[in-house]
C-alpha cells in the first residue's frame, strides 16, 4: 500500500471564518506587542485626530499602526515599503495589522506625523521595564555609536571648496547675464522694445539655486565656528582662573604654556569643515567599525542599566567627540526615572575635570577612564588612599586602580556594547530613515524603545491592559 498524504488543495474554501488568533503561537512577540500597546497611553496620538470635522476617508486605528511600526523596528524592518509588503507576506505583520494593509505612504506619513509621540513612548516602556524589575540603576554604562545619516557623504562640500565654487558660480552667472543682455539687445534691435521674457534661463536658475545653498552653508559653518570659539574662550578662561588659584595657593608659577583665549569675532571655519546638502544637520564622523574610514552621520548616545541591558537614556548629537555628552545623558536618566544611578561608567572620551566635578553628578559614583590605558591589565592594583591634594584626574585614575573601581569599570563594555551590537548587527539598524537632528533624535528613541520591549518580552513579563 502506498504512502498516504494529508490533503493539499490551494482552492479549498474555508467553511468557517478564520480567527487571527490561530495564526501564531501563544508566546509570539506579536501577541506580546498587542498587549503592550494596549497598556501604553496613546492619547497624544489620538488627540491629533480630534480637531477634524469627521469628513473624509476613515483613518486606520492608531493602535494598529503603532503595533506594526514597533514590530518592524523590533525585527529589523524599517522601510515603510517593506512593512506594507509584510502585511501581505508575513503572518505576524498580518496579525498585528488585523489583516489590514496600509500602504507605504500611509505608514510613512503616520510615522512622520506622530514621531514625537512615538518617541515619547520610550519613557512609558522604560517605566514598564522598571516595574518588571529589569531596571535597578545600580550601575549604568554610557557610550556612543556612529550611525549613518539618510544622506551620502559625497553630497558634502568643504568650507574651502565652497569659497572656490561660490566664486566660480558668480563668474558663470555674470557671464550668463551678460549673454542674456546681449541677446536682449540684439532682439530689441531686430524686433523693437517691449518683448517680455520674465523666466530665468534654466542654466542660470540652476546656478543661482546652487549659489544660494552654498551661501547658506557657509553662513552656518561660520556661525558654528563662532559658537565653538565662545565655548573654547569660556574653557580657557576657566583654566586660567584655576591656574591663578593654584599659583596663589602654592606661591609658585605653574610650568607650561598658558591657555590662549580665542576671539569669537575673529573665528573662521577650518578649511576642511564640511556641510552636507542632503541632510545639512548631519556631520562627517570617523567610522568606529572601519578604522581610518568616515561616514556621514550622527553620534547616537545610550545609557544602559546593568541589570538586564535596558536603555535608560537615549540621545543623538552632531558632535563627534563624546566629551560633552556625559552630563546631558545622566540628566536624562534622572528625568526618565526620577532618580540618578548609584554608579556610572564611561570610556576616556567622556573624561574631563568639569564633568567629574559638576554638581549634578555629586551623588553618582563615576568611573571614567582618563586616558587610553587598559587599567585592569597594565597598572598594578592599589589599596592605598588617593593623595591628599590629588586633582580630579589623579583621584579618578587612583579609583580605577582599586579592586572596587576595577570591578565596576571592567563591566562597562559588557553592559553597553552588546546593546549596540543587537541594534546594528542583529536588527540591522545602520542608517536613519529620517533627516534633521530633531527627527533623528526621535527615531533613535523609537529604536531604543523597540530594544527595551524585546528585553521586556524576553523576561517573560506579562503587561496588564490600561
Protein backbone atom coordinates (compact mmCIF):
# COMPACT_ATOMS: atom_id res chain seq x y z
CA UNK A 1 0.00 0.00 0.00
CA UNK A 2 1.42 3.43 -0.99
CA UNK A 3 2.23 6.34 1.34
CA UNK A 4 -0.81 8.46 2.32
CA UNK A 5 -0.64 12.26 2.36
CA UNK A 6 -2.63 15.00 4.01
CA UNK A 7 -5.00 16.94 1.74
CA UNK A 8 -3.33 19.64 -0.40
CA UNK A 9 -5.85 21.84 -2.17
CA UNK A 10 -4.98 25.52 -2.61
CA UNK A 11 -8.51 26.13 -3.88
CA UNK A 12 -10.13 24.81 -0.70
CA UNK A 13 -12.74 27.24 0.63
CA UNK A 14 -12.92 27.81 4.39
CA UNK A 15 -16.20 26.67 5.85
CA UNK A 16 -15.84 28.91 8.92
CA UNK A 17 -14.34 32.39 9.25
CA UNK A 18 -10.68 32.10 10.29
CA UNK A 19 -9.52 33.60 13.60
CA UNK A 20 -6.39 35.74 13.65
CA UNK A 21 -5.54 34.17 16.98
CA UNK A 22 -5.00 30.80 15.28
CA UNK A 23 -2.15 32.19 13.19
CA UNK A 24 0.58 32.50 15.82
CA UNK A 25 1.82 30.51 18.83
CA UNK A 26 0.87 31.78 22.27
CA UNK A 27 4.37 33.01 23.16
CA UNK A 28 4.97 35.00 19.96
CA UNK A 29 6.40 38.56 20.08
CA UNK A 30 3.46 39.88 18.05
CA UNK A 31 0.97 38.77 20.71
CA UNK A 32 3.14 40.44 23.36
CA UNK A 33 3.14 43.71 21.41
CA UNK A 34 -0.66 43.70 21.18
CA UNK A 35 -0.79 43.55 24.98
CA UNK A 36 1.96 46.15 25.43
CA UNK A 37 0.38 48.68 23.06
CA UNK A 38 -2.94 48.27 24.86
CA UNK A 39 -1.10 49.12 28.11
CA UNK A 40 0.54 52.27 26.68
CA UNK A 41 -1.04 55.71 26.76
CA UNK A 42 -1.62 56.70 23.12
CA UNK A 43 -3.72 59.77 23.93
CA UNK A 44 -1.14 62.13 22.37
CA UNK A 45 -1.65 60.34 19.05
CA UNK A 46 -5.44 60.09 19.27
CA UNK A 47 -5.71 63.75 20.25
CA UNK A 48 -4.36 64.86 16.89
CA UNK A 49 -7.46 63.41 15.18
CA UNK A 50 -10.00 65.19 17.40
CA UNK A 51 -9.67 68.54 15.59
CA UNK A 52 -11.06 67.11 12.35
CA UNK A 53 -14.62 67.68 11.13
CA UNK A 54 -15.31 63.97 10.67
CA UNK A 55 -15.47 64.17 6.90
CA UNK A 56 -13.21 62.32 4.52
CA UNK A 57 -11.93 58.77 4.47
CA UNK A 58 -11.64 57.00 7.82
CA UNK A 59 -8.11 56.69 9.20
CA UNK A 60 -6.50 53.44 10.27
CA UNK A 61 -6.69 52.83 14.02
CA UNK A 62 -3.61 54.42 15.64
CA UNK A 63 -3.10 51.41 17.94
CA UNK A 64 -2.82 49.13 14.91
CA UNK A 65 -0.34 51.47 13.19
CA UNK A 66 1.79 51.65 16.36
CA UNK A 67 1.82 47.84 16.60
CA UNK A 68 3.03 47.49 13.01
CA UNK A 69 5.74 50.15 13.41
CA UNK A 70 7.02 48.72 16.70
CA UNK A 71 7.14 45.19 15.31
CA UNK A 72 9.03 46.49 12.29
CA UNK A 73 11.64 48.21 14.45
CA UNK A 74 11.87 45.17 16.72
CA UNK A 75 12.53 42.81 13.81
CA UNK A 76 14.78 44.98 11.66
CA UNK A 77 12.16 46.19 9.16
CA UNK A 78 12.45 49.99 8.96
CA UNK A 79 11.26 50.74 5.43
CA UNK A 80 7.58 51.66 5.10
CA UNK A 81 7.51 49.89 1.73
CA UNK A 82 8.80 46.68 3.30
CA UNK A 83 6.28 47.00 6.12
CA UNK A 84 3.48 47.30 3.58
CA UNK A 85 4.68 44.16 1.81
CA UNK A 86 4.96 42.34 5.13
CA UNK A 87 1.26 42.92 5.88
CA UNK A 88 0.61 40.59 2.94
CA UNK A 89 3.55 38.17 3.18
CA UNK A 90 4.31 37.87 6.91
CA UNK A 91 1.84 36.19 9.25
CA UNK A 92 2.94 38.25 12.30
CA UNK A 93 2.57 41.58 10.47
CA UNK A 94 -0.79 40.41 9.13
CA UNK A 95 -1.88 39.51 12.66
CA UNK A 96 -0.77 42.88 14.07
CA UNK A 97 -2.49 44.82 11.29
CA UNK A 98 -5.72 42.83 11.83
CA UNK A 99 -5.45 41.75 8.18
CA UNK A 100 -5.48 45.37 7.02
CA UNK A 101 -2.87 46.61 4.52
CA UNK A 102 -1.92 50.29 4.99
CA UNK A 103 0.20 51.38 2.05
CA UNK A 104 3.74 52.68 2.49
CA UNK A 105 2.71 56.33 2.09
CA UNK A 106 0.22 55.93 4.94
CA UNK A 107 2.78 54.21 7.18
CA UNK A 108 5.42 56.82 6.41
CA UNK A 109 3.01 59.72 6.95
CA UNK A 110 1.85 58.24 10.27
CA UNK A 111 5.42 57.85 11.50
CA UNK A 112 6.36 61.39 10.47
CA UNK A 113 3.17 62.94 11.83
CA UNK A 114 3.40 61.23 15.23
CA UNK A 115 7.17 60.90 15.56
CA UNK A 116 7.35 62.97 18.74
CA UNK A 117 4.54 60.99 20.39
CA UNK A 118 6.12 57.70 19.29
CA UNK A 119 9.45 58.81 20.80
CA UNK A 120 7.55 59.66 24.00
CA UNK A 121 6.55 56.00 24.31
CA UNK A 122 10.22 55.30 25.13
CA UNK A 123 9.72 56.61 28.67
CA UNK A 124 6.47 54.69 29.12
CA UNK A 125 8.12 51.43 28.07
CA UNK A 126 11.11 52.19 30.30
CA UNK A 127 8.79 52.52 33.29
CA UNK A 128 7.26 49.15 32.37
CA UNK A 129 10.77 47.66 32.39
CA UNK A 130 11.35 49.17 35.83
CA UNK A 131 8.02 47.77 37.03
CA UNK A 132 9.08 44.35 35.78
CA UNK A 133 12.27 44.54 37.84
CA UNK A 134 14.61 44.94 34.86
CA UNK A 135 15.99 48.34 35.93
CA UNK A 136 17.88 48.83 39.20
CA UNK A 137 20.16 51.85 38.47
CA UNK A 138 22.95 50.28 40.47
CA UNK A 139 25.38 50.67 37.58
CA UNK A 140 24.73 52.49 34.30
CA UNK A 141 27.18 52.35 31.41
CA UNK A 142 27.30 55.16 28.85
CA UNK A 143 28.64 55.04 25.31
CA UNK A 144 28.05 56.37 21.81
CA UNK A 145 27.93 54.81 18.37
CA UNK A 146 28.10 56.45 14.95
CA UNK A 147 25.08 55.84 12.72
CA UNK A 148 24.80 56.90 9.09
CA UNK A 149 22.51 59.75 8.14
CA UNK A 150 19.96 59.47 5.36
CA UNK A 151 22.47 61.27 3.12
CA UNK A 152 25.58 60.45 1.15
CA UNK A 153 28.90 61.87 2.29
CA UNK A 154 29.56 62.60 -1.39
CA UNK A 155 26.85 65.29 -1.19
CA UNK A 156 29.00 67.25 1.27
CA UNK A 157 31.31 70.17 0.46
CA UNK A 158 34.19 71.63 2.46
CA UNK A 159 34.32 75.30 3.50
CA UNK A 160 37.38 75.88 1.29
CA UNK A 161 35.69 74.33 -1.73
CA UNK A 162 32.53 76.33 -1.02
CA UNK A 163 34.53 79.55 -1.40
CA UNK A 164 36.06 78.36 -4.67
CA UNK A 165 32.73 77.16 -6.05
CA UNK A 166 30.97 80.33 -4.93
CA UNK A 167 33.43 82.49 -6.90
CA UNK A 168 33.17 80.23 -9.95
CA UNK A 169 29.36 80.28 -9.90
CA UNK A 170 29.29 84.06 -9.51
CA UNK A 171 31.54 84.39 -12.56
CA UNK A 172 29.37 81.97 -14.55
CA UNK A 173 26.18 83.81 -13.55
CA UNK A 174 27.70 87.13 -14.57
CA UNK A 175 28.68 85.63 -17.93
CA UNK A 176 25.18 84.24 -18.45
CA UNK A 177 23.61 87.58 -17.53
CA UNK A 178 25.91 89.36 -19.96
CA UNK A 179 24.97 86.84 -22.62
CA UNK A 180 21.27 87.42 -21.89
CA UNK A 181 21.76 91.18 -22.12
CA UNK A 182 23.48 90.79 -25.49
CA UNK A 183 20.61 88.60 -26.74
CA UNK A 184 18.05 91.13 -25.47
CA UNK A 185 19.89 93.97 -27.16
CA UNK A 186 20.05 92.05 -30.45
CA UNK A 187 16.30 91.19 -30.26
CA UNK A 188 15.42 94.79 -29.40
CA UNK A 189 17.37 95.93 -32.44
CA UNK A 190 15.61 93.36 -34.62
CA UNK A 191 12.06 93.35 -33.20
CA UNK A 192 11.87 96.52 -31.13
CA UNK A 193 11.43 97.01 -27.38
CA UNK A 194 8.51 95.60 -25.37
CA UNK A 195 9.11 91.84 -25.77
CA UNK A 196 8.61 90.10 -22.39
CA UNK A 197 10.92 87.37 -21.05
CA UNK A 198 10.30 87.00 -17.32
CA UNK A 199 11.67 83.49 -16.85
CA UNK A 200 15.32 82.99 -15.99
CA UNK A 201 17.14 80.67 -18.37
CA UNK A 202 17.22 77.15 -16.86
CA UNK A 203 21.00 77.13 -16.67
CA UNK A 204 21.06 80.48 -14.87
CA UNK A 205 18.32 79.46 -12.41
CA UNK A 206 20.20 76.26 -11.54
CA UNK A 207 23.41 78.14 -10.82
CA UNK A 208 21.63 80.76 -8.71
CA UNK A 209 19.96 77.99 -6.68
CA UNK A 210 23.30 76.31 -6.02
CA UNK A 211 24.84 79.65 -5.11
CA UNK A 212 22.12 80.28 -2.50
CA UNK A 213 22.65 76.83 -0.96
CA UNK A 214 26.40 77.35 -0.76
CA UNK A 215 25.99 80.81 0.78
CA UNK A 216 23.63 79.38 3.42
CA UNK A 217 26.01 76.50 4.18
CA UNK A 218 28.95 78.91 4.53
CA UNK A 219 26.97 81.11 6.92
CA UNK A 220 26.08 78.07 9.06
CA UNK A 221 29.72 76.94 9.23
CA UNK A 222 30.84 80.46 10.17
CA UNK A 223 28.21 80.61 12.93
CA UNK A 224 29.35 77.22 14.25
CA UNK A 225 32.96 78.44 14.28
CA UNK A 226 31.94 81.47 16.37
CA UNK A 227 29.97 79.29 18.79
CA UNK A 228 32.91 76.89 19.12
CA UNK A 229 35.22 79.82 19.84
CA UNK A 230 32.79 81.05 22.52
CA UNK A 231 32.93 77.64 24.24
CA UNK A 232 36.72 77.49 23.93
CA UNK A 233 37.02 81.01 25.34
CA UNK A 234 34.94 80.04 28.39
CA UNK A 235 37.00 76.89 28.91
CA UNK A 236 40.29 78.78 28.51
CA UNK A 237 39.20 81.47 30.97
CA UNK A 238 38.23 78.78 33.49
CA UNK A 239 41.64 77.11 33.10
CA UNK A 240 43.38 80.45 33.53
CA UNK A 241 41.42 81.11 36.71
CA UNK A 242 42.28 77.64 38.00
CA UNK A 243 45.94 78.26 37.14
CA UNK A 244 45.95 81.60 39.01
CA UNK A 245 44.33 79.99 42.07
CA UNK A 246 46.93 77.21 42.12
CA UNK A 247 49.78 79.73 41.79
CA UNK A 248 48.32 81.80 44.63
CA UNK A 249 47.94 78.70 46.80
CA UNK A 250 51.43 77.33 46.18
CA UNK A 251 53.27 80.63 45.73
CA UNK A 252 54.93 79.22 42.63
CA UNK A 253 54.40 79.99 38.98
CA UNK A 254 52.90 76.97 37.23
CA UNK A 255 55.01 75.46 34.49
CA UNK A 256 53.80 75.15 30.92
CA UNK A 257 52.21 77.48 28.43
CA UNK A 258 49.14 79.41 29.50
CA UNK A 259 45.98 78.55 27.55
CA UNK A 260 45.20 81.07 24.81
CA UNK A 261 41.80 82.76 24.82
CA UNK A 262 40.26 82.83 21.31
CA UNK A 263 38.27 85.79 19.97
CA UNK A 264 34.88 84.56 18.65
CA UNK A 265 34.58 87.58 16.35
CA UNK A 266 37.73 86.53 14.52
CA UNK A 267 36.83 82.83 14.35
CA UNK A 268 36.73 81.23 10.91
CA UNK A 269 35.73 77.67 9.95
CA UNK A 270 38.52 75.23 9.22
CA UNK A 271 39.14 74.77 5.51
CA UNK A 272 38.10 71.09 5.77
CA UNK A 273 34.88 71.82 7.72
CA UNK A 274 32.01 70.34 5.72
CA UNK A 275 28.27 70.71 5.24
CA UNK A 276 26.01 68.14 3.59
CA UNK A 277 23.37 69.44 1.18
CA UNK A 278 21.00 66.44 1.59
CA UNK A 279 20.93 66.49 5.40
CA UNK A 280 22.72 69.70 6.46
CA UNK A 281 22.49 68.79 10.16
CA UNK A 282 24.46 65.55 9.75
CA UNK A 283 28.25 65.55 10.08
CA UNK A 284 31.29 63.72 8.73
CA UNK A 285 32.41 61.37 11.52
CA UNK A 286 35.01 58.63 11.95
CA UNK A 287 33.52 55.18 11.38
CA UNK A 288 34.32 53.20 14.52
CA UNK A 289 33.68 49.88 12.76
CA UNK A 290 36.18 50.64 9.98
CA UNK A 291 39.34 52.30 11.24
CA UNK A 292 40.51 55.13 9.02
CA UNK A 293 37.09 55.46 7.35
CA UNK A 294 34.49 58.19 7.71
CA UNK A 295 30.73 58.30 7.41
CA UNK A 296 28.07 60.98 7.04
CA UNK A 297 26.00 60.59 10.16
CA UNK A 298 25.22 61.28 13.79
CA UNK A 299 26.60 60.26 17.18
CA UNK A 300 23.91 58.18 18.95
CA UNK A 301 24.24 58.01 22.74
CA UNK A 302 22.79 55.49 25.18
CA UNK A 303 22.92 54.83 28.91
CA UNK A 304 22.34 51.15 29.65
CA UNK A 305 21.40 49.65 33.02
CA UNK A 306 23.50 46.71 34.19
CA UNK A 307 20.59 44.58 35.44
CA UNK A 308 19.13 43.50 32.07
CA UNK A 309 20.75 45.81 29.48
CA UNK A 310 17.72 48.11 29.35
CA UNK A 311 18.40 51.51 27.76
CA UNK A 312 17.56 54.14 30.38
CA UNK A 313 18.51 57.24 28.33
CA UNK A 314 18.89 57.87 24.61
CA UNK A 315 20.22 60.94 22.82
CA UNK A 316 21.73 61.97 19.48
CA UNK A 317 24.35 64.64 18.92
CA UNK A 318 26.15 66.18 15.95
CA UNK A 319 29.42 66.23 17.88
CA UNK A 320 31.98 63.59 17.02
CA UNK A 321 33.52 63.70 20.48
CA UNK A 322 31.65 62.30 23.50
CA UNK A 323 33.17 64.74 25.97
CA UNK A 324 30.09 66.98 26.26
CA UNK A 325 27.54 64.14 26.42
CA UNK A 326 28.07 62.69 29.91
CA UNK A 327 26.10 65.26 31.89
CA UNK A 328 23.10 65.50 29.48
CA UNK A 329 22.76 61.69 29.32
CA UNK A 330 22.94 61.28 33.10
CA UNK A 331 20.46 64.14 33.42
CA UNK A 332 18.09 62.31 31.10
CA UNK A 333 18.34 59.15 33.24
CA UNK A 334 17.13 61.14 36.25
CA UNK A 335 14.40 62.81 34.20
CA UNK A 336 13.14 59.46 32.86
CA UNK A 337 13.18 57.51 36.13
CA UNK A 338 13.09 60.15 38.82
CA UNK A 339 16.46 59.26 40.31
CA UNK A 340 20.12 59.03 39.35
CA UNK A 341 22.14 55.80 39.17
CA UNK A 342 24.35 54.81 42.06
CA UNK A 343 27.35 54.32 39.75
CA UNK A 344 28.12 55.21 36.12
CA UNK A 345 30.97 54.14 33.86
CA UNK A 346 32.25 55.57 30.58
CA UNK A 347 35.36 55.41 28.42
CA UNK A 348 38.06 58.07 28.10
CA UNK A 349 36.07 60.01 25.52
CA UNK A 350 33.79 61.24 28.31
CA UNK A 351 36.55 62.38 30.66
CA UNK A 352 37.03 65.99 31.72
CA UNK A 353 37.58 67.52 35.12
CA UNK A 354 34.49 69.66 34.53
CA UNK A 355 32.38 66.51 34.03
CA UNK A 356 33.82 64.77 37.10
CA UNK A 357 33.32 67.74 39.41
CA UNK A 358 29.95 69.05 38.18
CA UNK A 359 27.43 69.38 41.00
CA UNK A 360 24.79 67.46 39.03
CA UNK A 361 26.82 64.22 39.42
CA UNK A 362 27.81 64.78 43.05
CA UNK A 363 25.87 61.72 44.26
CA UNK A 364 26.97 59.38 41.45
CA UNK A 365 30.00 57.10 41.81
CA UNK A 366 31.68 57.90 38.48
CA UNK A 367 34.16 55.53 36.83
CA UNK A 368 35.59 57.24 33.74
CA UNK A 369 38.88 56.36 32.10
CA UNK A 370 41.23 59.36 31.99
CA UNK A 371 43.31 58.01 29.12
CA UNK A 372 43.56 55.11 26.72
CA UNK A 373 45.31 52.80 29.19
CA UNK A 374 43.81 49.39 29.88
CA UNK A 375 43.76 49.94 33.61
CA UNK A 376 42.99 46.42 34.70
CA UNK A 377 45.85 44.97 32.63
CA UNK A 378 48.71 47.48 32.60
CA UNK A 379 48.64 49.05 36.05
CA UNK A 380 49.06 47.34 39.40
CA UNK A 381 46.10 47.45 41.74
CA UNK A 382 46.27 49.55 44.87
CA UNK A 383 44.57 49.61 48.24
CA UNK A 384 46.14 52.89 49.33
CA UNK A 385 44.03 56.05 49.68
CA UNK A 386 44.47 58.74 47.00
CA UNK A 387 46.97 61.57 47.59
CA UNK A 388 45.68 64.30 49.89
CA UNK A 389 45.92 67.08 47.30
CA UNK A 390 45.09 64.92 44.29
CA UNK A 391 43.45 66.63 41.32
CA UNK A 392 40.17 65.26 40.00
CA UNK A 393 42.05 63.40 37.27
CA UNK A 394 44.56 61.89 39.71
CA UNK A 395 41.73 60.84 42.04
CA UNK A 396 39.87 59.15 39.17
CA UNK A 397 42.99 57.32 37.98
CA UNK A 398 43.54 56.12 41.55
CA UNK A 399 39.93 54.92 41.84
CA UNK A 400 40.28 52.83 38.70
CA UNK A 401 43.34 51.14 40.20
CA UNK A 402 41.45 49.91 43.26
CA UNK A 403 39.80 46.48 43.28
CA UNK A 404 36.34 48.02 43.63
CA UNK A 405 36.98 50.53 40.86
CA UNK A 406 38.33 47.88 38.52
CA UNK A 407 35.39 45.61 39.23
CA UNK A 408 32.92 48.28 38.12
CA UNK A 409 34.88 49.67 35.17
CA UNK A 410 35.65 46.29 33.60
CA UNK A 411 31.91 45.66 33.28
CA UNK A 412 31.42 48.78 31.13
CA UNK A 413 31.83 47.07 27.76
CA UNK A 414 29.79 44.05 28.76
CA UNK A 415 26.83 46.28 29.63
CA UNK A 416 26.55 48.79 26.78
CA UNK A 417 28.34 47.34 23.76
CA UNK A 418 26.13 44.23 23.37
CA UNK A 419 23.11 46.55 23.11
CA UNK A 420 24.69 48.43 20.20
CA UNK A 421 25.57 45.07 18.64
CA UNK A 422 21.97 43.87 18.89
CA UNK A 423 20.66 47.10 17.33
CA UNK A 424 23.20 47.30 14.49
CA UNK A 425 24.09 43.65 13.80
CA UNK A 426 21.00 41.62 14.75
CA UNK A 427 18.37 44.14 13.68
CA UNK A 428 20.41 45.88 11.01
CA UNK A 429 19.83 49.47 12.06
CA UNK A 430 22.80 51.25 10.46
CA UNK A 431 21.16 54.23 8.80
CA UNK A 432 18.48 56.66 9.97
CA UNK A 433 15.35 56.76 7.82
CA UNK A 434 14.68 60.43 8.58
CA UNK A 435 16.64 63.65 8.17
CA UNK A 436 17.39 66.52 10.52
CA UNK A 437 18.65 66.39 14.10
CA UNK A 438 15.23 66.58 15.77
CA UNK A 439 13.76 63.80 13.63
CA UNK A 440 16.85 61.64 14.07
CA UNK A 441 16.70 62.06 17.87
CA UNK A 442 13.10 60.86 17.87
CA UNK A 443 13.82 57.93 15.58
CA UNK A 444 16.71 56.86 17.84
CA UNK A 445 14.30 56.77 20.78
CA UNK A 446 11.97 54.64 18.66
CA UNK A 447 14.88 52.26 18.00
CA UNK A 448 15.73 52.17 21.73
CA UNK A 449 12.05 51.69 22.59
CA UNK A 450 11.99 48.56 20.41
CA UNK A 451 15.18 47.31 22.07
CA UNK A 452 13.67 47.70 25.54
CA UNK A 453 10.43 45.99 24.50
CA UNK A 454 12.47 42.99 23.34
CA UNK A 455 14.17 42.87 26.76
CA UNK A 456 10.76 43.04 28.40
CA UNK A 457 9.44 40.28 26.14
CA UNK A 458 12.46 38.09 26.87
CA UNK A 459 11.93 38.45 30.62
CA UNK A 460 8.55 36.73 30.41
CA UNK A 461 6.73 39.69 31.94
CA UNK A 462 3.05 39.98 31.04
CA UNK A 463 1.62 43.51 30.71
CA UNK A 464 -1.77 44.42 32.05
CA UNK A 465 -4.06 46.45 29.75
CA UNK A 466 -4.56 50.11 30.73
